[in-house]
Amino acid sequence: MIHEANQGGACAGPKPVYLSPMAKPLAPAKITTALGALPGWTFKGDALAKSFKFGSFREAMSFMVRVSFEAEAMDHHPDWTNVYNRVAIRLNTHDAGGKVTAKDVELARKIQAISWVG
């Protein structure tokens, strides 16, 4: 990881930049193994996916904000939707042709650790 100057954002300090070779899609067996440690996550349509149901809209939004910090730090952003107290997340890597990579598994693990609803 290297750092580059923050380009006019509200946060001070360097922004981490992750350098990696082109993302490599994971084999189906590796995805299945990873799902064993990710309760409620599925592999559907070339993406890791999970829906979360919170107690309120405010809880759903606070979850999304918290996840956004992890996603931004990784420079890896989920496809997600929010309707009231529900958040649906799909993870795949555009640089790997829309396939699941180790980066998706890593972000799913971080999301799972953040969630207090399962």
PDB file of N, CA and C in Angstrom:
ATOM      1  N   MET A   1       0.841  -1.166   0.000  1.00  0.00           N
ATOM      2  CA  MET A   1       0.000   0.000   0.000  1.00  0.00           C
ATOM      3  C   MET A   1       0.887   1.230   0.000  1.00  0.00           C
ATOM      4  N   ILE A   2       0.508   2.220  -0.790  1.00  0.00           N
ATOM      5  CA  ILE A   2       1.181   3.509  -0.763  1.00  0.00           C
ATOM      6  C   ILE A   2       0.144   4.559  -0.394  1.00  0.00           C
ATOM      7  N   HIS A   3       0.583   5.764  -0.149  1.00  0.00           N
ATOM      8  CA  HIS A   3      -0.337   6.837   0.157  1.00  0.00           C
ATOM      9  C   HIS A   3      -0.203   7.931  -0.891  1.00  0.00           C
ATOM     10  N   GLU A   4      -1.325   8.559  -1.184  1.00  0.00           N
ATOM     11  CA  GLU A   4      -1.301   9.721  -2.055  1.00  0.00           C
ATOM     12  C   GLU A   4      -1.991  10.860  -1.322  1.00  0.00           C
ATOM     13  N   ALA A   5      -1.721  12.058  -1.721  1.00  0.00           N
ATOM     14  CA  ALA A   5      -2.333  13.209  -1.060  1.00  0.00           C
ATOM     15  C   ALA A   5      -3.838  13.181  -1.265  1.00  0.00           C
ATOM     16  N   ASN A   6      -4.567  13.584  -0.246  1.00  0.00           N
ATOM     17  CA  ASN A   6      -6.012  13.675  -0.333  1.00  0.00           C
ATOM     18  C   ASN A   6      -6.351  14.756  -1.357  1.00  0.00           C
ATOM     19  N   GLN A   7      -7.176  14.452  -2.304  1.00  0.00           N
ATOM     20  CA  GLN A   7      -7.500  15.366  -3.394  1.00  0.00           C
ATOM     21  C   GLN A   7      -8.732  16.212  -3.069  1.00  0.00           C
ATOM     22  N   GLY A   8      -8.616  17.142  -2.120  1.00  0.00           N
ATOM     23  CA  GLY A   8      -9.692  18.083  -1.879  1.00  0.00           C
ATOM     24  C   GLY A   8     -10.843  17.560  -1.059  1.00  0.00           C
ATOM     25  N   GLY A   9     -10.724  16.399  -0.446  1.00  0.00           N
ATOM     26  CA  GLY A   9     -11.798  15.869   0.371  1.00  0.00           C
ATOM     27  C   GLY A   9     -11.853  16.541   1.720  1.00  0.00           C
ATOM     28  N   ALA A  10     -12.908  16.271   2.469  1.00  0.00           N
ATOM     29  CA  ALA A  10     -13.088  16.885   3.777  1.00  0.00           C
ATOM     30  C   ALA A  10     -12.163  16.281   4.827  1.00  0.00           C
ATOM     31  N   CYS A  11     -11.661  15.097   4.582  1.00  0.00           N
ATOM     32  CA  CYS A  11     -10.807  14.420   5.564  1.00  0.00           C
ATOM     33  C   CYS A  11      -9.350  14.779   5.308  1.00  0.00           C
ATOM     34  N   ALA A  12      -8.640  15.070   6.375  1.00  0.00           N
ATOM     35  CA  ALA A  12      -7.219  15.385   6.248  1.00  0.00           C
ATOM     36  C   ALA A  12      -6.407  14.102   6.226  1.00  0.00           C
ATOM     37  N   GLY A  13      -5.207  14.209   5.734  1.00  0.00           N
ATOM     38  CA  GLY A  13      -4.305  13.073   5.761  1.00  0.00           C
ATOM     39  C   GLY A  13      -4.269  12.337   4.436  1.00  0.00           C
ATOM     40  N   PRO A  14      -3.305  11.430   4.328  1.00  0.00           N
ATOM     41  CA  PRO A  14      -3.153  10.699   3.065  1.00  0.00           C
ATOM     42  C   PRO A  14      -4.258   9.673   2.875  1.00  0.00           C
ATOM     43  N   LYS A  15      -4.584   9.451   1.637  1.00  0.00           N
ATOM     44  CA  LYS A  15      -5.570   8.438   1.266  1.00  0.00           C
ATOM     45  C   LYS A  15      -4.808   7.177   0.872  1.00  0.00           C
ATOM     46  N   PRO A  16      -5.134   6.007   1.488  1.00  0.00           N
ATOM     47  CA  PRO A  16      -4.414   4.798   1.099  1.00  0.00           C
ATOM     48  C   PRO A  16      -4.766   4.383  -0.324  1.00  0.00           C
ATOM     49  N   VAL A  17      -3.790   3.909  -1.039  1.00  0.00           N
ATOM     50  CA  VAL A  17      -3.988   3.414  -2.395  1.00  0.00           C
ATOM     51  C   VAL A  17      -3.466   1.985  -2.422  1.00  0.00           C
ATOM     52  N   TYR A  18      -4.325   1.049  -2.799  1.00  0.00           N
ATOM     53  CA  TYR A  18      -3.926  -0.347  -2.848  1.00  0.00           C
ATOM     54  C   TYR A  18      -3.481  -0.683  -4.262  1.00  0.00           C
ATOM     55  N   LEU A  19      -2.262  -1.165  -4.379  1.00  0.00           N
ATOM     56  CA  LEU A  19      -1.733  -1.570  -5.670  1.00  0.00           C
ATOM     57  C   LEU A  19      -1.776  -3.083  -5.758  1.00  0.00           C
ATOM     58  N   SER A  20      -2.418  -3.579  -6.770  1.00  0.00           N
ATOM     59  CA  SER A  20      -2.476  -5.022  -6.946  1.00  0.00           C
ATOM     60  C   SER A  20      -2.551  -5.328  -8.431  1.00  0.00           C
ATOM     61  N   PRO A  21      -2.128  -6.520  -8.799  1.00  0.00           N
ATOM     62  CA  PRO A  21      -2.262  -6.904 -10.197  1.00  0.00           C
ATOM     63  C   PRO A  21      -3.744  -7.052 -10.531  1.00  0.00           C
ATOM     64  N   MET A  22      -4.049  -7.170 -11.801  1.00  0.00           N
ATOM     65  CA  MET A  22      -5.445  -7.318 -12.196  1.00  0.00           C
ATOM     66  C   MET A  22      -6.103  -8.406 -11.354  1.00  0.00           C
ATOM     67  N   ALA A  23      -7.283  -8.104 -10.880  1.00  0.00           N
ATOM     68  CA  ALA A  23      -8.011  -9.028 -10.016  1.00  0.00           C
ATOM     69  C   ALA A  23      -8.248 -10.357 -10.725  1.00  0.00           C
ATOM     70  N   LYS A  24      -8.076 -11.427  -9.966  1.00  0.00           N
ATOM     71  CA  LYS A  24      -8.246 -12.764 -10.522  1.00  0.00           C
ATOM     72  C   LYS A  24      -9.508 -13.393  -9.930  1.00  0.00           C
ATOM     73  N   PRO A  25     -10.449 -13.846 -10.768  1.00  0.00           N
ATOM     74  CA  PRO A  25     -11.652 -14.482 -10.251  1.00  0.00           C
ATOM     75  C   PRO A  25     -11.314 -15.731  -9.431  1.00  0.00           C
ATOM     76  N   LEU A  26     -12.093 -15.951  -8.390  1.00  0.00           N
ATOM     77  CA  LEU A  26     -11.907 -17.149  -7.570  1.00  0.00           C
ATOM     78  C   LEU A  26     -12.586 -18.347  -8.223  1.00  0.00           C
ATOM     79  N   ALA A  27     -11.997 -19.513  -8.042  1.00  0.00           N
ATOM     80  CA  ALA A  27     -12.616 -20.752  -8.510  1.00  0.00           C
ATOM     81  C   ALA A  27     -13.865 -21.025  -7.674  1.00  0.00           C
ATOM     82  N   PRO A  28     -14.860 -21.689  -8.252  1.00  0.00           N
ATOM     83  CA  PRO A  28     -16.094 -21.984  -7.515  1.00  0.00           C
ATOM     84  C   PRO A  28     -15.855 -22.683  -6.170  1.00  0.00           C
ATOM     85  N   ALA A  29     -14.879 -23.589  -6.108  1.00  0.00           N
ATOM     86  CA  ALA A  29     -14.595 -24.291  -4.851  1.00  0.00           C
ATOM     87  C   ALA A  29     -14.112 -23.323  -3.771  1.00  0.00           C
ATOM     88  N   LYS A  30     -13.330 -22.331  -4.149  1.00  0.00           N
ATOM     89  CA  LYS A  30     -12.850 -21.341  -3.173  1.00  0.00           C
ATOM     90  C   LYS A  30     -13.994 -20.453  -2.694  1.00  0.00           C
ATOM     91  N   ILE A  31     -14.907 -20.139  -3.583  1.00  0.00           N
ATOM     92  CA  ILE A  31     -16.078 -19.339  -3.196  1.00  0.00           C
ATOM     93  C   ILE A  31     -16.929 -20.134  -2.198  1.00  0.00           C
ATOM     94  N   THR A  32     -17.147 -21.399  -2.488  1.00  0.00           N
ATOM     95  CA  THR A  32     -17.930 -22.252  -1.592  1.00  0.00           C
ATOM     96  C   THR A  32     -17.272 -22.343  -0.219  1.00  0.00           C
ATOM     97  N   THR A  33     -15.969 -22.499  -0.188  1.00  0.00           N
ATOM     98  CA  THR A  33     -15.240 -22.555   1.084  1.00  0.00           C
ATOM     99  C   THR A  33     -15.401 -21.236   1.842  1.00  0.00           C
ATOM    100  N   ALA A  34     -15.259 -20.125   1.159  1.00  0.00           N
ATOM    101  CA  ALA A  34     -15.393 -18.813   1.804  1.00  0.00           C
ATOM    102  C   ALA A  34     -16.795 -18.621   2.379  1.00  0.00           C
ATOM    103  N   LEU A  35     -17.811 -19.081   1.654  1.00  0.00           N
ATOM    104  CA  LEU A  35     -19.191 -18.929   2.125  1.00  0.00           C
ATOM    105  C   LEU A  35     -19.436 -19.673   3.438  1.00  0.00           C
ATOM    106  N   GLY A  36     -18.660 -20.707   3.693  1.00  0.00           N
ATOM    107  CA  GLY A  36     -18.793 -21.449   4.945  1.00  0.00           C
ATOM    108  C   GLY A  36     -18.541 -20.594   6.171  1.00  0.00           C
ATOM    109  N   ALA A  37     -17.770 -19.520   6.021  1.00  0.00           N
ATOM    110  CA  ALA A  37     -17.457 -18.620   7.132  1.00  0.00           C
ATOM    111  C   ALA A  37     -18.252 -17.316   7.048  1.00  0.00           C
ATOM    112  N   LEU A  38     -19.218 -17.266   6.136  1.00  0.00           N
ATOM    113  CA  LEU A  38     -20.013 -16.051   5.941  1.00  0.00           C
ATOM    114  C   LEU A  38     -21.505 -16.394   6.059  1.00  0.00           C
ATOM    115  N   PRO A  39     -22.026 -16.461   7.281  1.00  0.00           N
ATOM    116  CA  PRO A  39     -23.418 -16.870   7.467  1.00  0.00           C
ATOM    117  C   PRO A  39     -24.409 -15.957   6.739  1.00  0.00           C
ATOM    118  N   GLY A  40     -25.303 -16.599   5.994  1.00  0.00           N
ATOM    119  CA  GLY A  40     -26.344 -15.861   5.286  1.00  0.00           C
ATOM    120  C   GLY A  40     -25.946 -15.347   3.912  1.00  0.00           C
ATOM    121  N   TRP A  41     -24.670 -15.407   3.586  1.00  0.00           N
ATOM    122  CA  TRP A  41     -24.213 -14.956   2.276  1.00  0.00           C
ATOM    123  C   TRP A  41     -24.423 -16.077   1.265  1.00  0.00           C
ATOM    124  N   THR A  42     -24.722 -15.708   0.023  1.00  0.00           N
ATOM    125  CA  THR A  42     -24.897 -16.674  -1.052  1.00  0.00           C
ATOM    126  C   THR A  42     -24.053 -16.250  -2.253  1.00  0.00           C
ATOM    127  N   PHE A  43     -23.882 -17.181  -3.170  1.00  0.00           N
ATOM    128  CA  PHE A  43     -23.225 -16.894  -4.439  1.00  0.00           C
ATOM    129  C   PHE A  43     -24.318 -16.962  -5.493  1.00  0.00           C
ATOM    130  N   LYS A  44     -24.640 -15.806  -6.063  1.00  0.00           N
ATOM    131  CA  LYS A  44     -25.773 -15.728  -6.975  1.00  0.00           C
ATOM    132  C   LYS A  44     -25.448 -14.716  -8.077  1.00  0.00           C
ATOM    133  N   GLY A  45     -25.595 -15.130  -9.319  1.00  0.00           N
ATOM    134  CA  GLY A  45     -25.370 -14.216 -10.437  1.00  0.00           C
ATOM    135  C   GLY A  45     -23.983 -13.602 -10.459  1.00  0.00           C
ATOM    136  N   ASP A  46     -22.956 -14.426 -10.259  1.00  0.00           N
ATOM    137  CA  ASP A  46     -21.561 -13.970 -10.264  1.00  0.00           C
ATOM    138  C   ASP A  46     -21.264 -12.935  -9.177  1.00  0.00           C
ATOM    139  N   ALA A  47     -21.946 -13.036  -8.037  1.00  0.00           N
ATOM    140  CA  ALA A  47     -21.702 -12.103  -6.937  1.00  0.00           C
ATOM    141  C   ALA A  47     -21.972 -12.779  -5.602  1.00  0.00           C
ATOM    142  N   LEU A  48     -21.274 -12.303  -4.571  1.00  0.00           N
ATOM    143  CA  LEU A  48     -21.631 -12.660  -3.205  1.00  0.00           C
ATOM    144  C   LEU A  48     -22.788 -11.746  -2.826  1.00  0.00           C
ATOM    145  N   ALA A  49     -23.804 -12.292  -2.179  1.00  0.00           N
ATOM    146  CA  ALA A  49     -24.991 -11.491  -1.886  1.00  0.00           C
ATOM    147  C   ALA A  49     -25.539 -11.800  -0.500  1.00  0.00           C
ATOM    148  N   LYS A  50     -26.082 -10.758   0.123  1.00  0.00           N
ATOM    149  CA  LYS A  50     -26.757 -10.930   1.410  1.00  0.00           C
ATOM    150  C   LYS A  50     -27.708  -9.770   1.626  1.00  0.00           C
ATOM    151  N   SER A  51     -28.838 -10.067   2.263  1.00  0.00           N
ATOM    152  CA  SER A  51     -29.796  -9.043   2.666  1.00  0.00           C
ATOM    153  C   SER A  51     -29.805  -8.955   4.180  1.00  0.00           C
ATOM    154  N   PHE A  52     -29.869  -7.749   4.692  1.00  0.00           N
ATOM    155  CA  PHE A  52     -29.882  -7.482   6.125  1.00  0.00           C
ATOM    156  C   PHE A  52     -31.183  -6.758   6.464  1.00  0.00           C
ATOM    157  N   LYS A  53     -31.785  -7.117   7.599  1.00  0.00           N
ATOM    158  CA  LYS A  53     -32.995  -6.434   8.067  1.00  0.00           C
ATOM    159  C   LYS A  53     -32.702  -5.852   9.448  1.00  0.00           C
ATOM    160  N   PHE A  54     -32.805  -4.539   9.550  1.00  0.00           N
ATOM    161  CA  PHE A  54     -32.510  -3.826  10.789  1.00  0.00           C
ATOM    162  C   PHE A  54     -33.802  -3.409  11.485  1.00  0.00           C
ATOM    163  N   GLY A  55     -33.665  -2.875  12.664  1.00  0.00           N
ATOM    164  CA  GLY A  55     -34.831  -2.475  13.449  1.00  0.00           C
ATOM    165  C   GLY A  55     -35.474  -1.188  12.975  1.00  0.00           C
ATOM    166  N   SER A  56     -34.751  -0.407  12.190  1.00  0.00           N
ATOM    167  CA  SER A  56     -35.274   0.883  11.731  1.00  0.00           C
ATOM    168  C   SER A  56     -34.460   1.372  10.546  1.00  0.00           C
ATOM    169  N   PHE A  57     -34.972   2.417   9.929  1.00  0.00           N
ATOM    170  CA  PHE A  57     -34.249   3.071   8.844  1.00  0.00           C
ATOM    171  C   PHE A  57     -32.930   3.636   9.362  1.00  0.00           C
ATOM    172  N   ARG A  58     -32.955   4.226  10.533  1.00  0.00           N
ATOM    173  CA  ARG A  58     -31.744   4.811  11.119  1.00  0.00           C
ATOM    174  C   ARG A  58     -30.659   3.754  11.312  1.00  0.00           C
ATOM    175  N   GLU A  59     -31.034   2.571  11.779  1.00  0.00           N
ATOM    176  CA  GLU A  59     -30.057   1.482  11.941  1.00  0.00           C
ATOM    177  C   GLU A  59     -29.484   1.065  10.596  1.00  0.00           C
ATOM    178  N   ALA A  60     -30.348   0.943   9.588  1.00  0.00           N
ATOM    179  CA  ALA A  60     -29.882   0.543   8.256  1.00  0.00           C
ATOM    180  C   ALA A  60     -28.891   1.565   7.714  1.00  0.00           C
ATOM    181  N   MET A  61     -29.206   2.846   7.887  1.00  0.00           N
ATOM    182  CA  MET A  61     -28.318   3.903   7.405  1.00  0.00           C
ATOM    183  C   MET A  61     -26.991   3.912   8.165  1.00  0.00           C
ATOM    184  N   SER A  62     -27.029   3.709   9.477  1.00  0.00           N
ATOM    185  CA  SER A  62     -25.773   3.712  10.230  1.00  0.00           C
ATOM    186  C   SER A  62     -24.897   2.530   9.807  1.00  0.00           C
ATOM    187  N   PHE A  63     -25.507   1.398   9.526  1.00  0.00           N
ATOM    188  CA  PHE A  63     -24.773   0.239   9.014  1.00  0.00           C
ATOM    189  C   PHE A  63     -24.108   0.588   7.675  1.00  0.00           C
ATOM    190  N   MET A  64     -24.856   1.196   6.773  1.00  0.00           N
ATOM    191  CA  MET A  64     -24.307   1.532   5.462  1.00  0.00           C
ATOM    192  C   MET A  64     -23.161   2.536   5.573  1.00  0.00           C
ATOM    193  N   VAL A  65     -23.299   3.502   6.462  1.00  0.00           N
ATOM    194  CA  VAL A  65     -22.218   4.475   6.647  1.00  0.00           C
ATOM    195  C   VAL A  65     -20.970   3.768   7.151  1.00  0.00           C
ATOM    196  N   ARG A  66     -21.135   2.898   8.124  1.00  0.00           N
ATOM    197  CA  ARG A  66     -19.979   2.174   8.688  1.00  0.00           C
ATOM    198  C   ARG A  66     -19.304   1.303   7.623  1.00  0.00           C
ATOM    199  N   VAL A  67     -20.116   0.597   6.832  1.00  0.00           N
ATOM    200  CA  VAL A  67     -19.563  -0.231   5.754  1.00  0.00           C
ATOM    201  C   VAL A  67     -18.840   0.648   4.731  1.00  0.00           C
ATOM    202  N   SER A  68     -19.361   1.833   4.491  1.00  0.00           N
ATOM    203  CA  SER A  68     -18.752   2.700   3.481  1.00  0.00           C
ATOM    204  C   SER A  68     -17.311   3.058   3.834  1.00  0.00           C
ATOM    205  N   PHE A  69     -17.008   3.184   5.120  1.00  0.00           N
ATOM    206  CA  PHE A  69     -15.625   3.484   5.516  1.00  0.00           C
ATOM    207  C   PHE A  69     -14.700   2.318   5.160  1.00  0.00           C
ATOM    208  N   GLU A  70     -15.151   1.098   5.390  1.00  0.00           N
ATOM    209  CA  GLU A  70     -14.342  -0.084   5.041  1.00  0.00           C
ATOM    210  C   GLU A  70     -14.188  -0.191   3.526  1.00  0.00           C
ATOM    211  N   ALA A  71     -15.286   0.004   2.815  1.00  0.00           N
ATOM    212  CA  ALA A  71     -15.243  -0.102   1.356  1.00  0.00           C
ATOM    213  C   ALA A  71     -14.308   0.950   0.752  1.00  0.00           C
ATOM    214  N   GLU A  72     -14.391   2.157   1.253  1.00  0.00           N
ATOM    215  CA  GLU A  72     -13.535   3.235   0.739  1.00  0.00           C
ATOM    216  C   GLU A  72     -12.067   2.953   1.038  1.00  0.00           C
ATOM    217  N   ALA A  73     -11.791   2.448   2.233  1.00  0.00           N
ATOM    218  CA  ALA A  73     -10.405   2.124   2.593  1.00  0.00           C
ATOM    219  C   ALA A  73      -9.826   1.056   1.672  1.00  0.00           C
ATOM    220  N   MET A  74     -10.672   0.153   1.211  1.00  0.00           N
ATOM    221  CA  MET A  74     -10.236  -0.905   0.299  1.00  0.00           C
ATOM    222  C   MET A  74     -10.306  -0.469  -1.167  1.00  0.00           C
ATOM    223  N   ASP A  75     -10.921   0.675  -1.429  1.00  0.00           N
ATOM    224  CA  ASP A  75     -11.223   1.111  -2.788  1.00  0.00           C
ATOM    225  C   ASP A  75     -12.002   0.023  -3.521  1.00  0.00           C
ATOM    226  N   HIS A  76     -12.996  -0.499  -2.823  1.00  0.00           N
ATOM    227  CA  HIS A  76     -13.828  -1.593  -3.348  1.00  0.00           C
ATOM    228  C   HIS A  76     -15.245  -1.357  -2.841  1.00  0.00           C
ATOM    229  N   HIS A  77     -16.144  -1.024  -3.730  1.00  0.00           N
ATOM    230  CA  HIS A  77     -17.448  -0.523  -3.329  1.00  0.00           C
ATOM    231  C   HIS A  77     -18.559  -1.501  -3.697  1.00  0.00           C
ATOM    232  N   PRO A  78     -19.467  -1.752  -2.753  1.00  0.00           N
ATOM    233  CA  PRO A  78     -20.542  -2.715  -3.006  1.00  0.00           C
ATOM    234  C   PRO A  78     -21.622  -2.139  -3.915  1.00  0.00           C
ATOM    235  N   ASP A  79     -22.315  -3.030  -4.575  1.00  0.00           N
ATOM    236  CA  ASP A  79     -23.588  -2.679  -5.211  1.00  0.00           C
ATOM    237  C   ASP A  79     -24.620  -2.946  -4.129  1.00  0.00           C
ATOM    238  N   TRP A  80     -25.368  -1.924  -3.733  1.00  0.00           N
ATOM    239  CA  TRP A  80     -26.326  -2.134  -2.659  1.00  0.00           C
ATOM    240  C   TRP A  80     -27.550  -1.271  -2.833  1.00  0.00           C
ATOM    241  N   THR A  81     -28.611  -1.718  -2.165  1.00  0.00           N
ATOM    242  CA  THR A  81     -29.857  -0.967  -2.147  1.00  0.00           C
ATOM    243  C   THR A  81     -30.353  -0.915  -0.719  1.00  0.00           C
ATOM    244  N   ASN A  82     -31.129   0.123  -0.454  1.00  0.00           N
ATOM    245  CA  ASN A  82     -31.735   0.296   0.861  1.00  0.00           C
ATOM    246  C   ASN A  82     -33.197   0.660   0.662  1.00  0.00           C
ATOM    247  N   VAL A  83     -34.072  -0.070   1.329  1.00  0.00           N
ATOM    248  CA  VAL A  83     -35.476   0.286   1.407  1.00  0.00           C
ATOM    249  C   VAL A  83     -35.847   0.195   2.878  1.00  0.00           C
ATOM    250  N   TYR A  84     -36.146   1.338   3.479  1.00  0.00           N
ATOM    251  CA  TYR A  84     -36.467   1.501   4.885  1.00  0.00           C
ATOM    252  C   TYR A  84     -35.439   0.798   5.769  1.00  0.00           C
ATOM    253  N   ASN A  85     -35.772  -0.357   6.353  1.00  0.00           N
ATOM    254  CA  ASN A  85     -34.862  -1.014   7.299  1.00  0.00           C
ATOM    255  C   ASN A  85     -34.092  -2.178   6.673  1.00  0.00           C
ATOM    256  N   ARG A  86     -34.116  -2.286   5.370  1.00  0.00           N
ATOM    257  CA  ARG A  86     -33.460  -3.402   4.687  1.00  0.00           C
ATOM    258  C   ARG A  86     -32.314  -2.898   3.814  1.00  0.00           C
ATOM    259  N   VAL A  87     -31.238  -3.669   3.829  1.00  0.00           N
ATOM    260  CA  VAL A  87     -30.084  -3.370   2.980  1.00  0.00           C
ATOM    261  C   VAL A  87     -29.718  -4.659   2.244  1.00  0.00           C
ATOM    262  N   ALA A  88     -29.673  -4.595   0.926  1.00  0.00           N
ATOM    263  CA  ALA A  88     -29.257  -5.738   0.107  1.00  0.00           C
ATOM    264  C   ALA A  88     -27.907  -5.392  -0.511  1.00  0.00           C
ATOM    265  N   ILE A  89     -26.960  -6.328  -0.379  1.00  0.00           N
ATOM    266  CA  ILE A  89     -25.592  -6.099  -0.849  1.00  0.00           C
ATOM    267  C   ILE A  89     -25.196  -7.181  -1.840  1.00  0.00           C
ATOM    268  N   ARG A  90     -24.521  -6.747  -2.924  1.00  0.00           N
ATOM    269  CA  ARG A  90     -23.915  -7.660  -3.895  1.00  0.00           C
ATOM    270  C   ARG A  90     -22.464  -7.241  -4.069  1.00  0.00           C
ATOM    271  N   LEU A  91     -21.582  -8.213  -4.051  1.00  0.00           N
ATOM    272  CA  LEU A  91     -20.150  -7.944  -4.194  1.00  0.00           C
ATOM    273  C   LEU A  91     -19.577  -8.740  -5.360  1.00  0.00           C
ATOM    274  N   ASN A  92     -18.970  -8.043  -6.295  1.00  0.00           N
ATOM    275  CA  ASN A  92     -18.138  -8.663  -7.312  1.00  0.00           C
ATOM    276  C   ASN A  92     -17.141  -7.602  -7.766  1.00  0.00           C
ATOM    277  N   THR A  93     -16.200  -7.993  -8.590  1.00  0.00           N
ATOM    278  CA  THR A  93     -15.102  -7.098  -8.947  1.00  0.00           C
ATOM    279  C   THR A  93     -15.160  -6.769 -10.428  1.00  0.00           C
ATOM    280  N   HIS A  94     -15.364  -5.494 -10.730  1.00  0.00           N
ATOM    281  CA  HIS A  94     -15.471  -5.056 -12.121  1.00  0.00           C
ATOM    282  C   HIS A  94     -14.183  -5.323 -12.891  1.00  0.00           C
ATOM    283  N   ASP A  95     -13.022  -5.157 -12.228  1.00  0.00           N
ATOM    284  CA  ASP A  95     -11.737  -5.404 -12.892  1.00  0.00           C
ATOM    285  C   ASP A  95     -11.510  -6.873 -13.219  1.00  0.00           C
ATOM    286  N   ALA A  96     -12.359  -7.744 -12.685  1.00  0.00           N
ATOM    287  CA  ALA A  96     -12.248  -9.177 -12.978  1.00  0.00           C
ATOM    288  C   ALA A  96     -13.431  -9.630 -13.835  1.00  0.00           C
ATOM    289  N   GLY A  97     -13.982  -8.705 -14.586  1.00  0.00           N
ATOM    290  CA  GLY A  97     -15.091  -9.053 -15.472  1.00  0.00           C
ATOM    291  C   GLY A  97     -16.395  -9.312 -14.730  1.00  0.00           C
ATOM    292  N   GLY A  98     -16.557  -8.695 -13.565  1.00  0.00           N
ATOM    293  CA  GLY A  98     -17.787  -8.880 -12.796  1.00  0.00           C
ATOM    294  C   GLY A  98     -17.849 -10.207 -12.060  1.00  0.00           C
ATOM    295  N   LYS A  99     -16.698 -10.796 -11.812  1.00  0.00           N
ATOM    296  CA  LYS A  99     -16.621 -12.072 -11.093  1.00  0.00           C
ATOM    297  C   LYS A  99     -16.219 -11.822  -9.638  1.00  0.00           C
ATOM    298  N   VAL A 100     -16.360 -12.851  -8.812  1.00  0.00           N
ATOM    299  CA  VAL A 100     -15.977 -12.769  -7.398  1.00  0.00           C
ATOM    300  C   VAL A 100     -14.477 -13.009  -7.260  1.00  0.00           C
ATOM    301  N   THR A 101     -13.825 -12.130  -6.483  1.00  0.00           N
ATOM    302  CA  THR A 101     -12.397 -12.249  -6.217  1.00  0.00           C
ATOM    303  C   THR A 101     -12.162 -12.285  -4.705  1.00  0.00           C
ATOM    304  N   ALA A 102     -10.912 -12.437  -4.327  1.00  0.00           N
ATOM    305  CA  ALA A 102     -10.546 -12.427  -2.906  1.00  0.00           C
ATOM    306  C   ALA A 102     -10.928 -11.102  -2.251  1.00  0.00           C
ATOM    307  N   LYS A 103     -10.906 -10.033  -3.015  1.00  0.00           N
ATOM    308  CA  LYS A 103     -11.277  -8.721  -2.487  1.00  0.00           C
ATOM    309  C   LYS A 103     -12.745  -8.702  -2.048  1.00  0.00           C
ATOM    310  N   ASP A 104     -13.600  -9.376  -2.795  1.00  0.00           N
ATOM    311  CA  ASP A 104     -15.015  -9.468  -2.433  1.00  0.00           C
ATOM    312  C   ASP A 104     -15.205 -10.248  -1.145  1.00  0.00           C
ATOM    313  N   VAL A 105     -14.474 -11.342  -1.022  1.00  0.00           N
ATOM    314  CA  VAL A 105     -14.550 -12.154   0.191  1.00  0.00           C
ATOM    315  C   VAL A 105     -14.063 -11.338   1.389  1.00  0.00           C
ATOM    316  N   GLU A 106     -12.985 -10.603   1.210  1.00  0.00           N
ATOM    317  CA  GLU A 106     -12.453  -9.777   2.298  1.00  0.00           C
ATOM    318  C   GLU A 106     -13.470  -8.724   2.733  1.00  0.00           C
ATOM    319  N   LEU A 107     -14.110  -8.056   1.777  1.00  0.00           N
ATOM    320  CA  LEU A 107     -15.107  -7.046   2.137  1.00  0.00           C
ATOM    321  C   LEU A 107     -16.324  -7.695   2.776  1.00  0.00           C
ATOM    322  N   ALA A 108     -16.748  -8.849   2.294  1.00  0.00           N
ATOM    323  CA  ALA A 108     -17.884  -9.549   2.912  1.00  0.00           C
ATOM    324  C   ALA A 108     -17.571  -9.889   4.371  1.00  0.00           C
ATOM    325  N   ARG A 109     -16.350 -10.311   4.641  1.00  0.00           N
ATOM    326  CA  ARG A 109     -15.958 -10.611   6.030  1.00  0.00           C
ATOM    327  C   ARG A 109     -16.027  -9.360   6.902  1.00  0.00           C
ATOM    328  N   LYS A 110     -15.579  -8.248   6.368  1.00  0.00           N
ATOM    329  CA  LYS A 110     -15.633  -6.991   7.125  1.00  0.00           C
ATOM    330  C   LYS A 110     -17.080  -6.563   7.360  1.00  0.00           C
ATOM    331  N   ILE A 111     -17.915  -6.710   6.340  1.00  0.00           N
ATOM    332  CA  ILE A 111     -19.329  -6.359   6.486  1.00  0.00           C
ATOM    333  C   ILE A 111     -19.979  -7.247   7.535  1.00  0.00           C
ATOM    334  N   GLN A 112     -19.677  -8.521   7.482  1.00  0.00           N
ATOM    335  CA  GLN A 112     -20.251  -9.463   8.441  1.00  0.00           C
ATOM    336  C   GLN A 112     -19.838  -9.102   9.865  1.00  0.00           C
ATOM    337  N   ALA A 113     -18.604  -8.684  10.048  1.00  0.00           N
ATOM    338  CA  ALA A 113     -18.116  -8.307  11.376  1.00  0.00           C
ATOM    339  C   ALA A 113     -18.796  -7.035  11.883  1.00  0.00           C
ATOM    340  N   ILE A 114     -19.176  -6.146  10.985  1.00  0.00           N
ATOM    341  CA  ILE A 114     -19.843  -4.903  11.361  1.00  0.00           C
ATOM    342  C   ILE A 114     -21.303  -5.143  11.743  1.00  0.00           C
ATOM    343  N   SER A 115     -21.957  -6.051  11.055  1.00  0.00           N
ATOM    344  CA  SER A 115     -23.400  -6.248  11.235  1.00  0.00           C
ATOM    345  C   SER A 115     -23.748  -6.774  12.621  1.00  0.00           C
ATOM    346  N   TRP A 116     -24.776  -6.211  13.195  1.00  0.00           N
ATOM    347  CA  TRP A 116     -25.277  -6.672  14.502  1.00  0.00           C
ATOM    348  C   TRP A 116     -26.599  -7.409  14.342  1.00  0.00           C
ATOM    349  N   VAL A 117     -27.052  -7.657  13.093  1.00  0.00           N
ATOM    350  CA  VAL A 117     -28.308  -8.375  12.870  1.00  0.00           C
ATOM    351  C   VAL A 117     -28.123  -9.724  12.191  1.00  0.00           C
ATOM    352  N   GLY A 118     -26.918 -10.175  12.084  1.00  0.00           N
ATOM    353  CA  GLY A 118     -26.697 -11.490  11.493  1.00  0.00           C
ATOM    354  C   GLY A 118     -25.871 -11.485  10.263  1.00  0.00           C
TER     355      GLY A 118
END
